[in-house]
Amino acid sequence: MQSVADITLLRPSDIVIEYRDQVARIPRGQTARYAIAVINNSSFALQSSGSHRAYVTYRWLTGNGQEHSLQNPHIPLRTAIAPGQRSVAEFDVVAPDKSGKYLLKVIMGIDDGPDLESGGQAPLHYNVTVD
């Protein structure tokens, strides 16, 4: 089976993410578990380890659309996803330290490459209130 390490161009639009478990309210600075469905419509495996592993990352956006200054971690997939397969990816997010209404933007990427949104993957957006 080929992996993304074997290719020069992965079509990020072939990797689809869909909404699953979400949290609408999170206490300031606390952690909450989210889950997304990942559908691998490419002909390459999404790796969970190694130098070209696939990851989930998130960004907090403030009410005026500006990115919050929290670090955007690269959370590797827990298991590889073969071509044509679907899997659920769970990951933890850390809420900002300031209360308010935020937009949580979730995207995927490949280590040593760009995030998949820049190549055409649609990100997920969650409305979250931080108490």
Protein backbone atom coordinates (compact mmCIF):
# COMPACT_ATOMS: atom_id res chain seq x y z
CA MET A 1 0.00 0.00 0.00
CA GLN A 2 1.35 3.45 -0.88
CA SER A 3 1.56 6.15 1.76
CA VAL A 4 1.74 9.92 1.42
CA ALA A 5 5.52 9.58 1.81
CA ASP A 6 5.58 7.87 -1.61
CA ILE A 7 3.95 10.69 -3.55
CA THR A 8 4.85 14.14 -4.71
CA LEU A 9 1.32 15.53 -4.82
CA LEU A 10 -1.61 14.57 -2.62
CA ARG A 11 -4.92 16.13 -3.58
CA PRO A 12 -6.03 17.47 -0.19
CA SER A 13 -9.59 17.73 -1.46
CA ASP A 14 -9.63 13.90 -1.51
CA ILE A 15 -9.42 13.90 2.30
CA VAL A 16 -12.85 14.83 3.64
CA ILE A 17 -13.59 15.70 7.25
CA GLU A 18 -17.08 15.69 8.75
CA TYR A 19 -18.59 16.78 12.05
CA ARG A 20 -18.90 14.25 14.87
CA ASP A 21 -18.74 14.85 18.65
CA GLN A 22 -18.47 18.46 19.74
CA VAL A 23 -18.71 20.63 22.83
CA ALA A 24 -20.56 23.95 22.76
CA ARG A 25 -19.31 25.32 26.11
CA ILE A 26 -15.86 24.96 27.62
CA PRO A 27 -14.52 26.55 30.83
CA ARG A 28 -11.59 28.95 30.30
CA GLY A 29 -8.27 27.16 29.90
CA GLN A 30 -9.85 23.71 30.16
CA THR A 31 -9.64 20.77 27.78
CA ALA A 32 -12.54 19.26 25.83
CA ARG A 33 -12.63 16.17 23.61
CA TYR A 34 -13.81 16.51 20.00
CA ALA A 35 -14.14 13.90 17.27
CA ILE A 36 -14.33 14.20 13.50
CA ALA A 37 -14.91 11.66 10.75
CA VAL A 38 -12.03 11.42 8.26
CA ILE A 39 -12.79 9.95 4.84
CA ASN A 40 -9.73 9.06 2.78
CA ASN A 41 -10.83 9.24 -0.87
CA SER A 42 -7.22 9.38 -2.06
CA SER A 43 -5.22 6.43 -3.30
CA PHE A 44 -2.66 6.84 -0.50
CA ALA A 45 -2.74 5.82 3.17
CA LEU A 46 -2.88 8.52 5.81
CA GLN A 47 -0.13 7.60 8.26
CA SER A 48 -0.39 7.88 12.04
CA SER A 49 3.39 7.84 12.60
CA GLY A 50 6.64 8.59 10.81
CA SER A 51 7.85 11.70 9.06
CA HIS A 52 4.72 12.13 6.89
CA ARG A 53 2.04 11.45 9.45
CA ALA A 54 -1.40 13.00 9.10
CA TYR A 55 -2.56 15.28 11.90
CA VAL A 56 -5.53 17.32 13.10
CA THR A 57 -5.01 20.90 14.19
CA TYR A 58 -7.31 23.63 15.39
CA ARG A 59 -7.37 27.40 15.63
CA TRP A 60 -9.49 29.63 17.83
CA LEU A 61 -10.96 32.64 16.04
CA THR A 62 -12.35 35.61 17.96
CA GLY A 63 -15.71 37.23 17.21
CA ASN A 64 -14.10 39.61 14.71
CA GLY A 65 -12.42 36.72 12.87
CA GLN A 66 -8.90 37.25 14.21
CA GLU A 67 -6.87 34.22 15.20
CA HIS A 68 -6.38 33.81 18.94
CA SER A 69 -2.76 33.54 20.02
CA LEU A 70 -2.99 30.00 21.42
CA GLN A 71 -0.53 27.48 20.04
CA ASN A 72 -1.98 25.33 17.22
CA PRO A 73 -0.89 21.78 18.02
CA HIS A 74 -0.41 19.02 15.46
CA ILE A 75 -2.34 16.06 16.89
CA PRO A 76 -1.42 12.90 14.96
CA LEU A 77 -4.09 10.44 13.91
CA ARG A 78 -4.29 7.54 16.36
CA THR A 79 -4.50 4.96 13.57
CA ALA A 80 -3.60 5.01 9.89
CA ILE A 81 -6.45 5.37 7.40
CA ALA A 82 -6.18 3.23 4.26
CA PRO A 83 -7.30 4.46 0.84
CA GLY A 84 -11.08 4.39 0.52
CA GLN A 85 -11.57 4.06 4.28
CA ARG A 86 -13.37 6.16 6.86
CA SER A 87 -12.29 6.57 10.49
CA VAL A 88 -13.13 8.67 13.53
CA ALA A 89 -10.33 10.89 14.82
CA GLU A 90 -10.59 12.05 18.44
CA PHE A 91 -8.54 14.95 19.74
CA ASP A 92 -8.45 17.34 22.70
CA VAL A 93 -8.68 21.12 22.42
CA VAL A 94 -7.62 23.62 25.06
CA ALA A 95 -9.95 26.60 25.47
CA PRO A 96 -8.60 30.16 25.51
CA ASP A 97 -8.05 31.78 28.91
CA LYS A 98 -10.45 34.62 28.11
CA SER A 99 -14.24 34.16 28.23
CA GLY A 100 -16.27 34.87 25.14
CA LYS A 101 -17.75 33.48 21.96
CA TYR A 102 -15.26 31.83 19.61
CA LEU A 103 -15.17 29.97 16.36
CA LEU A 104 -13.11 26.77 16.59
CA LYS A 105 -11.64 25.97 13.18
CA VAL A 106 -10.50 22.36 12.63
CA ILE A 107 -8.29 21.30 9.73
CA MET A 108 -5.93 18.47 8.84
CA GLY A 109 -2.39 18.43 7.55
CA ILE A 110 0.55 16.20 6.72
CA ASP A 111 3.88 16.62 8.55
CA ASP A 112 6.54 18.12 6.30
CA GLY A 113 3.82 19.53 4.06
CA PRO A 114 1.14 22.24 4.04
CA ASP A 115 -2.14 21.95 5.87
CA LEU A 116 -4.81 20.36 3.70
CA GLU A 117 -7.06 23.44 3.76
CA SER A 118 -4.57 25.32 1.57
CA GLY A 119 -4.95 22.51 -0.99
CA GLY A 120 -8.73 22.49 -1.07
CA GLN A 121 -9.99 20.59 1.99
CA ALA A 122 -12.98 22.27 3.60
CA PRO A 123 -12.34 23.03 7.30
CA LEU A 124 -14.89 22.45 10.05
CA HIS A 125 -16.16 25.36 12.14
CA TYR A 126 -17.67 25.06 15.62
CA ASN A 127 -19.36 27.85 17.58
CA VAL A 128 -18.04 27.60 21.13
CA THR A 129 -18.71 29.67 24.22
CA VAL A 130 -15.79 29.88 26.63
CA ASP A 131 -16.98 30.55 30.22
